[in-house]
Amino acid sequence: MMNSYEKIVEAAEEKIRRYHKKLTELNDDIADHPEVSTKEFETSRKMTALLAQEGFQILYPFAGLDTAFKAYTGKEHKYKVAILAEYDALPELGHACGHCLSGCISLLAGLALKDMEDQLDADIHIIGTPDEEYDGGKVKMLRAGAFDGYDMAMMVHLYDSNLVYTKLQAMDTYTYYFHGQAAHASACPWEGRNAFNASQLMFHAVDMLRQHVTPDVRIHGIIRYAGEAPNIVPEENALEMYIRALERGNLNEVVRKIDDCARGAAIATQTTWEKKATAEVYDNMKQNPFGIENLKQVYEELGLPLNGNAEEIFGSSDTGNVSMVCPVFHPTLQVVNQGVAVHTREFAEAMKSERAHQALQTGARIICRQVAKLLCDPKNMEKLKEDFER
């Protein structure tokens, strides 16, 4: 006789097979029509239309963002689960991070679990979270209360290997502005104060700083504005920097040192400087050891080898911010050969492959089984909460 977990898995499997074709078509459509962060109007409209057609109630727009949404049944149970759906694309590269597929995985999982809320004693909500790539849509949604009261949240990221957890760095993004004095570069250069030189000096200083930061730190930047003409001493210059570390305290110290680089560059060039936050502050991922061990069992059940190094730095995501308010799971599913990196044209091209279409089902199974395995035993939810509150 099957236990409650097995019954839920069996029912979810039937729904995954039933909706697979519909979600495959949606994935391919989104892949063909990528929309960058904050511009995901057609993508979010297509997603919400499909979910409404299948009986979900829809809040759209949601949490103050035009392209965010919440899909729910309206029932109320003991627990609340958020299945996170990302769907923004990258400029020029399209869905080179796989959000078309990961978003459709989340929709498929939500559809598979929709009619099992009573058995799970849980509200299953699909939360559409735009603008992950640029300005941290989930951070704004957190401030609006979108994730209040949830017992767990989950999504699956596509990758070149299978991982049950990812190490997400905290990240600050700043634009540093240098202000100088314009002058004719030949007739009277001594009248000028070169803001572009200040940016050059700052970059060199940061490069020297790299020798003396911990291995988890990443610093990278670009010049946003360099000047108008070679015969004019540049009076304005701006450079944007992403600064990352695995722990918020360490990141704050690195930012302080980078500010010193800007200050020193300004002194050396007799310019002035200021900085402004360019995007939302991203937190590192708060791991939940009990939930991760549970997820390992799910991967074993599905015959998915853990063939990557989870201790390697994965990057940064606003999902880390959500992990500070409830347990969050952000595993990866292999959809390309190892060595094919995210944010490449090769990765984007793989999003409509047969392998991707199979991953759509597998990813939904991962979410469904993780949710069911945790919720079918109240003791599991207690352990999940204990780990989160440590």
Protein backbone atom coordinates (compact mmCIF):
# COMPACT_ATOMS: atom_id res chain seq x y z
CA MET A 1 0.00 0.00 0.00
CA MET A 2 1.38 3.40 -0.98
CA ASN A 3 2.13 6.01 1.68
CA SER A 4 1.04 9.63 1.33
CA TYR A 5 4.34 10.71 -0.27
CA GLU A 6 4.11 8.01 -2.93
CA LYS A 7 0.48 8.91 -3.68
CA ILE A 8 1.35 12.58 -4.13
CA VAL A 9 4.34 11.73 -6.35
CA GLU A 10 2.15 9.48 -8.50
CA ALA A 11 -0.51 12.15 -8.87
CA ALA A 12 2.12 14.80 -9.64
CA GLU A 13 3.68 12.57 -12.31
CA GLU A 14 0.34 12.30 -14.08
CA LYS A 15 -0.07 16.09 -14.09
CA ILE A 16 3.51 16.65 -15.26
CA ARG A 17 2.91 14.37 -18.24
CA ARG A 18 -0.43 16.03 -18.94
CA TYR A 19 0.91 19.59 -18.99
CA HIS A 20 4.35 18.89 -20.46
CA LYS A 21 3.45 19.69 -24.08
CA LYS A 22 1.76 22.96 -23.15
CA LEU A 23 4.75 24.12 -21.08
CA THR A 24 7.20 23.00 -23.76
CA GLU A 25 5.41 25.21 -26.26
CA LEU A 26 5.46 28.12 -23.80
CA ASN A 27 9.18 27.64 -23.11
CA ASP A 28 10.03 27.65 -26.82
CA ASP A 29 7.88 30.72 -27.39
CA ILE A 30 9.57 32.63 -24.57
CA ALA A 31 13.00 31.52 -25.82
CA ASP A 32 12.12 32.88 -29.27
CA HIS A 33 10.86 36.19 -27.85
CA PRO A 34 13.25 37.15 -25.01
CA GLU A 35 12.43 40.20 -22.93
CA VAL A 36 15.07 41.84 -20.75
CA SER A 37 14.66 42.79 -17.10
CA THR A 38 11.61 44.99 -16.30
CA LYS A 39 10.38 44.57 -19.89
CA GLU A 40 8.89 41.05 -19.52
CA PHE A 41 5.37 42.21 -20.43
CA GLU A 42 4.47 39.60 -23.04
CA THR A 43 6.27 36.82 -21.17
CA SER A 44 4.42 37.46 -17.91
CA ARG A 45 1.14 37.90 -19.77
CA LYS A 46 1.52 34.51 -21.47
CA MET A 47 2.42 32.83 -18.17
CA THR A 48 -0.50 34.30 -16.25
CA ALA A 49 -2.93 33.54 -19.09
CA LEU A 50 -1.94 29.86 -19.03
CA LEU A 51 -2.22 29.65 -15.24
CA ALA A 52 -5.60 31.39 -15.22
CA GLN A 53 -6.83 28.99 -17.89
CA GLU A 54 -5.90 26.10 -15.60
CA GLY A 55 -7.85 27.45 -12.63
CA PHE A 56 -5.40 29.64 -10.71
CA GLN A 57 -6.44 33.00 -9.35
CA ILE A 58 -4.00 35.67 -10.51
CA LEU A 59 -2.65 38.86 -8.98
CA TYR A 60 -1.00 40.76 -11.84
CA PRO A 61 0.74 43.16 -11.58
CA PHE A 62 1.94 42.14 -8.14
CA ALA A 63 4.02 43.60 -5.29
CA GLY A 64 4.50 46.92 -7.07
CA LEU A 65 6.17 45.47 -10.18
CA ASP A 66 4.39 45.65 -13.53
CA THR A 67 5.61 42.24 -14.68
CA ALA A 68 5.45 40.30 -11.40
CA PHE A 69 2.57 37.99 -10.56
CA LYS A 70 1.15 35.62 -7.98
CA ALA A 71 -0.89 32.55 -8.91
CA TYR A 72 -2.90 30.87 -6.13
CA THR A 73 -6.06 28.84 -5.51
CA GLY A 74 -7.51 30.98 -2.74
CA LYS A 75 -7.55 28.14 -0.22
CA GLU A 76 -5.81 28.47 3.14
CA HIS A 77 -3.83 25.72 4.84
CA LYS A 78 -1.26 25.32 7.60
CA TYR A 79 1.79 25.87 5.40
CA LYS A 80 2.66 28.24 2.55
CA VAL A 81 5.03 27.29 -0.27
CA ALA A 82 6.34 29.73 -2.90
CA ILE A 83 7.47 28.28 -6.21
CA LEU A 84 9.61 31.02 -7.75
CA ALA A 85 9.46 31.65 -11.49
CA GLU A 86 12.13 33.73 -13.21
CA TYR A 87 11.72 34.79 -16.84
CA ASP A 88 13.87 37.80 -17.73
CA ALA A 89 16.45 37.56 -20.51
CA LEU A 90 19.88 39.09 -21.05
CA PRO A 91 20.62 41.96 -23.45
CA GLU A 92 21.93 40.62 -26.78
CA LEU A 93 22.16 37.02 -25.50
CA GLY A 94 18.48 36.22 -24.91
CA HIS A 95 17.80 33.39 -22.46
CA ALA A 96 21.46 32.59 -21.89
CA CYS A 97 20.73 32.06 -18.20
CA GLY A 98 17.91 29.63 -18.94
CA HIS A 99 15.13 31.61 -17.35
CA CYS A 100 12.65 30.66 -20.07
CA LEU A 101 13.09 27.02 -19.05
CA SER A 102 13.44 27.49 -15.29
CA GLY A 103 10.32 29.67 -15.24
CA CYS A 104 8.35 27.03 -17.13
CA ILE A 105 9.67 24.33 -14.77
CA SER A 106 8.18 26.30 -11.88
CA LEU A 107 4.84 26.68 -13.67
CA LEU A 108 4.75 22.96 -14.45
CA ALA A 109 5.51 22.07 -10.82
CA GLY A 110 2.82 24.44 -9.57
CA LEU A 111 0.27 22.95 -11.95
CA ALA A 112 1.26 19.44 -10.83
CA LEU A 113 0.76 20.31 -7.14
CA LYS A 114 -2.28 22.58 -7.50
CA ASP A 115 -4.93 19.98 -6.66
CA MET A 116 -2.97 18.44 -3.77
CA GLU A 117 -3.03 21.37 -1.39
CA ASP A 118 -5.44 19.60 0.97
CA GLN A 119 -3.28 16.45 1.14
CA LEU A 120 -0.17 18.55 1.75
CA ASP A 121 -1.99 20.98 4.06
CA ALA A 122 -0.19 23.73 2.18
CA ASP A 123 -0.99 26.69 -0.04
CA ILE A 124 1.01 26.25 -3.24
CA HIS A 125 1.70 29.66 -4.79
CA ILE A 126 3.58 30.40 -8.00
CA ILE A 127 5.36 33.74 -7.62
CA GLY A 128 6.49 35.38 -10.86
CA THR A 129 9.73 37.21 -10.10
CA PRO A 130 10.98 39.49 -12.90
CA ASP A 131 14.21 41.48 -13.16
CA GLU A 132 16.64 39.00 -11.58
CA GLU A 133 19.45 39.85 -13.99
CA TYR A 134 19.61 43.60 -13.54
CA ASP A 135 18.06 45.19 -10.47
CA GLY A 136 16.89 42.48 -8.09
CA GLY A 137 13.14 42.32 -8.54
CA LYS A 138 12.79 39.93 -5.59
CA VAL A 139 14.37 42.54 -3.29
CA LYS A 140 11.68 45.07 -4.19
CA MET A 141 9.04 42.34 -3.80
CA LEU A 142 10.40 41.51 -0.35
CA ARG A 143 10.00 45.12 0.72
CA ALA A 144 6.41 44.99 -0.52
CA GLY A 145 5.72 41.93 1.66
CA ALA A 146 5.44 39.44 -1.22
CA PHE A 147 7.28 36.72 0.70
CA ASP A 148 5.83 37.27 4.17
CA GLY A 149 4.64 34.16 5.95
CA TYR A 150 6.09 31.50 3.66
CA ASP A 151 7.49 28.29 5.13
CA MET A 152 9.73 27.60 2.14
CA ALA A 153 10.47 28.72 -1.41
CA MET A 154 12.06 26.92 -4.33
CA MET A 155 13.09 27.05 -7.97
CA VAL A 156 15.46 25.07 -10.22
CA HIS A 157 18.28 26.78 -12.12
CA LEU A 158 19.66 25.32 -15.33
CA TYR A 159 23.39 24.60 -15.47
CA ASP A 160 26.08 22.33 -16.89
CA SER A 161 25.88 19.98 -13.90
CA ASN A 162 23.52 18.79 -11.16
CA LEU A 163 23.85 20.46 -7.75
CA VAL A 164 21.55 20.30 -4.74
CA TYR A 165 22.67 23.73 -3.54
CA THR A 166 24.53 26.72 -4.91
CA LYS A 167 26.87 29.18 -3.22
CA LEU A 168 25.50 32.61 -4.00
CA GLN A 169 27.61 35.66 -3.25
CA ALA A 170 26.34 38.82 -1.67
CA MET A 171 26.71 41.65 -4.19
CA ASP A 172 26.76 45.44 -4.16
CA THR A 173 26.60 47.43 -7.38
CA TYR A 174 27.83 51.03 -7.48
CA THR A 175 28.54 53.65 -10.10
CA TYR A 176 31.48 55.89 -9.17
CA TYR A 177 31.36 59.39 -10.62
CA PHE A 178 34.42 61.63 -11.01
CA HIS A 179 34.04 65.36 -11.60
CA GLY A 180 36.89 67.41 -13.05
CA GLN A 181 37.40 70.52 -15.14
CA ALA A 182 37.21 70.76 -18.94
CA ALA A 183 39.99 72.54 -20.84
CA HIS A 184 41.55 72.59 -24.30
CA ALA A 185 43.86 69.58 -24.32
CA SER A 186 46.50 71.39 -26.43
CA ALA A 187 46.13 75.14 -25.80
CA CYS A 188 45.76 75.05 -21.98
CA PRO A 189 45.77 71.51 -20.54
CA TRP A 190 47.03 72.92 -17.22
CA GLU A 191 43.57 74.41 -16.71
CA GLY A 192 41.96 70.95 -16.80
CA ARG A 193 41.40 68.26 -14.22
CA ASN A 194 40.99 64.91 -15.96
CA ALA A 195 38.07 62.82 -14.67
CA PHE A 196 38.95 59.98 -17.05
CA ASN A 197 42.41 59.74 -15.49
CA ALA A 198 40.72 59.41 -12.11
CA SER A 199 38.76 56.41 -13.36
CA GLN A 200 41.93 54.87 -14.80
CA LEU A 201 43.71 55.28 -11.49
CA MET A 202 40.80 53.79 -9.60
CA PHE A 203 40.80 50.74 -11.88
CA HIS A 204 44.53 50.27 -11.36
CA ALA A 205 44.12 50.61 -7.59
CA VAL A 206 41.32 48.03 -7.57
CA ASP A 207 43.49 45.67 -9.63
CA MET A 208 46.19 45.98 -6.96
CA LEU A 209 43.61 45.42 -4.24
CA ARG A 210 42.66 42.08 -5.83
CA GLN A 211 45.94 40.60 -4.55
CA HIS A 212 44.80 41.12 -0.97
CA VAL A 213 41.19 39.97 -0.83
CA THR A 214 39.84 36.54 0.09
CA PRO A 215 39.40 33.99 -2.75
CA ASP A 216 35.60 34.32 -2.76
CA VAL A 217 35.70 38.03 -3.64
CA ARG A 218 34.94 39.13 -7.19
CA ILE A 219 35.32 42.71 -8.47
CA HIS A 220 34.51 43.72 -12.03
CA GLY A 221 33.58 46.95 -13.72
CA ILE A 222 33.18 48.97 -16.90
CA ILE A 223 33.56 52.61 -17.93
CA ARG A 224 30.11 54.08 -18.40
CA TYR A 225 31.23 57.46 -19.78
CA ALA A 226 34.73 58.41 -20.92
CA GLY A 227 34.53 61.86 -22.57
CA GLU A 228 33.44 63.73 -25.69
CA ALA A 229 36.53 64.44 -27.83
CA PRO A 230 40.31 63.89 -27.64
CA ASN A 231 41.04 67.62 -27.60
CA ILE A 232 38.87 68.24 -24.53
CA VAL A 233 40.10 67.28 -21.08
CA PRO A 234 37.28 65.02 -19.80
CA GLU A 235 35.48 66.75 -16.97
CA GLU A 236 33.00 63.94 -16.21
CA ASN A 237 33.55 60.21 -15.97
CA ALA A 238 31.62 57.29 -14.56
CA LEU A 239 32.47 53.66 -13.94
CA GLU A 240 30.18 50.92 -12.70
CA MET A 241 31.41 48.12 -10.45
CA TYR A 242 29.97 44.84 -9.21
CA ILE A 243 31.50 43.79 -5.90
CA ARG A 244 30.82 40.31 -4.50
CA ALA A 245 31.73 38.10 -1.54
CA LEU A 246 30.25 35.04 0.14
CA GLU A 247 29.60 36.84 3.43
CA ARG A 248 28.01 40.25 3.87
CA GLY A 249 30.54 41.38 6.52
CA ASN A 250 33.48 40.68 4.22
CA LEU A 251 31.73 42.39 1.33
CA ASN A 252 31.17 45.54 3.37
CA GLU A 253 34.90 45.68 4.16
CA VAL A 254 35.85 45.22 0.50
CA VAL A 255 33.47 48.03 -0.50
CA ARG A 256 35.16 50.28 2.07
CA LYS A 257 38.55 49.56 0.50
CA ILE A 258 37.23 50.20 -3.01
CA ASP A 259 35.86 53.53 -1.81
CA ASP A 260 39.41 54.32 -0.67
CA CYS A 261 40.62 53.53 -4.20
CA ALA A 262 38.17 56.11 -5.54
CA ARG A 263 39.16 58.63 -2.89
CA GLY A 264 42.86 58.19 -3.65
CA ALA A 265 42.30 58.49 -7.39
CA ALA A 266 40.40 61.73 -6.88
CA ILE A 267 43.17 63.18 -4.71
CA ALA A 268 45.84 62.25 -7.24
CA THR A 269 43.96 63.87 -10.14
CA GLN A 270 42.54 66.83 -8.19
CA THR A 271 39.00 65.76 -9.05
CA THR A 272 36.02 65.07 -6.81
CA TRP A 273 34.08 61.81 -6.56
CA GLU A 274 30.78 60.36 -5.44
CA LYS A 275 29.08 56.99 -5.69
CA LYS A 276 25.51 55.89 -6.15
CA ALA A 277 23.95 52.45 -5.82
CA THR A 278 23.16 51.17 -9.31
CA ALA A 279 21.03 48.18 -8.33
CA GLU A 280 19.51 46.51 -5.31
CA VAL A 281 21.78 44.95 -2.69
CA TYR A 282 21.96 41.17 -3.09
CA ASP A 283 22.43 38.92 -0.06
CA ASN A 284 24.35 35.67 0.01
CA MET A 285 22.39 32.41 0.11
CA LYS A 286 21.46 31.14 3.58
CA GLN A 287 21.73 27.36 3.33
CA ASN A 288 19.40 24.91 5.06
CA PRO A 289 21.35 21.69 5.76
CA PHE A 290 18.31 19.56 6.59
CA GLY A 291 16.46 20.62 3.46
CA ILE A 292 19.58 20.04 1.35
CA GLU A 293 19.92 16.48 2.68
CA ASN A 294 16.27 15.95 1.80
CA LEU A 295 16.94 17.24 -1.70
CA LYS A 296 19.83 14.80 -2.10
CA GLN A 297 17.33 11.98 -1.59
CA VAL A 298 15.15 13.47 -4.33
CA TYR A 299 18.06 13.52 -6.78
CA GLU A 300 18.87 9.91 -5.87
CA GLU A 301 15.25 8.87 -6.46
CA LEU A 302 15.36 10.48 -9.90
CA GLY A 303 18.72 8.95 -10.78
CA LEU A 304 20.39 12.35 -11.11
CA PRO A 305 24.14 12.19 -10.37
CA LEU A 306 25.59 15.08 -8.39
CA ASN A 307 28.31 15.70 -10.95
CA GLY A 308 29.33 19.27 -10.15
CA ASN A 309 31.19 21.05 -7.37
CA ALA A 310 28.66 22.80 -5.15
CA GLU A 311 31.47 24.53 -3.26
CA GLU A 312 32.43 26.55 -6.32
CA ILE A 313 31.01 30.07 -6.45
CA PHE A 314 27.83 30.15 -8.51
CA GLY A 315 27.40 33.92 -8.76
CA SER A 316 24.84 36.25 -7.22
CA SER A 317 21.05 36.29 -7.23
CA ASP A 318 18.24 38.11 -5.47
CA THR A 319 17.11 34.62 -4.42
CA GLY A 320 19.67 35.02 -1.64
CA ASN A 321 17.60 37.85 -0.20
CA VAL A 322 14.53 35.59 -0.04
CA SER A 323 16.62 32.98 1.81
CA MET A 324 16.94 35.47 4.68
CA VAL A 325 13.17 35.35 5.36
CA CYS A 326 12.39 31.65 4.76
CA PRO A 327 14.20 28.44 3.74
CA VAL A 328 14.98 28.61 0.02
CA PHE A 329 16.19 25.87 -2.31
CA HIS A 330 18.04 26.78 -5.50
CA PRO A 331 19.39 23.52 -6.96
CA THR A 332 20.65 23.14 -10.52
CA LEU A 333 19.77 20.72 -13.27
CA GLN A 334 22.16 19.81 -16.05
CA VAL A 335 20.86 20.77 -19.48
CA VAL A 336 24.12 21.15 -21.45
CA ASN A 337 27.45 19.34 -21.57
CA GLN A 338 29.86 20.19 -18.79
CA GLY A 339 31.95 23.20 -19.68
CA VAL A 340 29.17 25.07 -21.50
CA ALA A 341 28.82 28.17 -19.36
CA VAL A 342 25.72 30.18 -18.55
CA HIS A 343 25.50 33.66 -20.09
CA THR A 344 26.83 32.37 -23.41
CA ARG A 345 25.19 32.05 -26.82
CA GLU A 346 25.71 28.28 -26.64
CA PHE A 347 23.65 28.09 -23.46
CA ALA A 348 20.87 30.19 -24.96
CA GLU A 349 20.75 27.97 -28.06
CA ALA A 350 20.29 24.89 -25.87
CA MET A 351 17.03 26.12 -24.35
CA LYS A 352 14.87 24.63 -27.11
CA SER A 353 16.73 21.33 -27.42
CA GLU A 354 15.20 17.92 -26.75
CA ARG A 355 17.41 17.78 -23.67
CA ALA A 356 15.84 21.01 -22.44
CA HIS A 357 12.36 19.65 -23.06
CA GLN A 358 13.18 16.59 -20.97
CA ALA A 359 14.69 18.82 -18.27
CA LEU A 360 11.33 20.60 -18.08
CA GLN A 361 9.76 17.44 -16.70
CA THR A 362 12.72 16.53 -14.53
CA GLY A 363 12.91 19.99 -12.97
CA ALA A 364 9.21 19.89 -12.13
CA ARG A 365 9.69 16.47 -10.55
CA ILE A 366 12.51 17.84 -8.38
CA ILE A 367 10.31 20.63 -7.01
CA CYS A 368 7.26 18.39 -6.53
CA ARG A 369 9.19 15.71 -4.68
CA GLN A 370 11.07 18.15 -2.48
CA VAL A 371 7.84 19.86 -1.47
CA ALA A 372 6.00 16.56 -0.93
CA LYS A 373 8.82 14.91 0.98
CA LEU A 374 9.07 17.82 3.40
CA LEU A 375 5.34 18.39 3.86
CA CYS A 376 4.24 14.76 4.20
CA ASP A 377 5.92 14.58 7.62
CA PRO A 378 5.29 17.52 10.00
CA LYS A 379 8.54 16.66 11.78
CA ASN A 380 10.39 17.54 8.58
CA MET A 381 8.90 21.04 8.59
CA GLU A 382 9.94 21.44 12.22
CA LYS A 383 13.51 20.45 11.36
CA LEU A 384 13.47 22.78 8.36
CA LYS A 385 12.43 25.66 10.61
CA GLU A 386 15.02 24.78 13.26
CA ASP A 387 17.80 24.87 10.68
CA PHE A 388 16.58 28.19 9.33
CA GLU A 389 16.45 29.82 12.78
CA ARG A 390 19.99 28.80 13.75
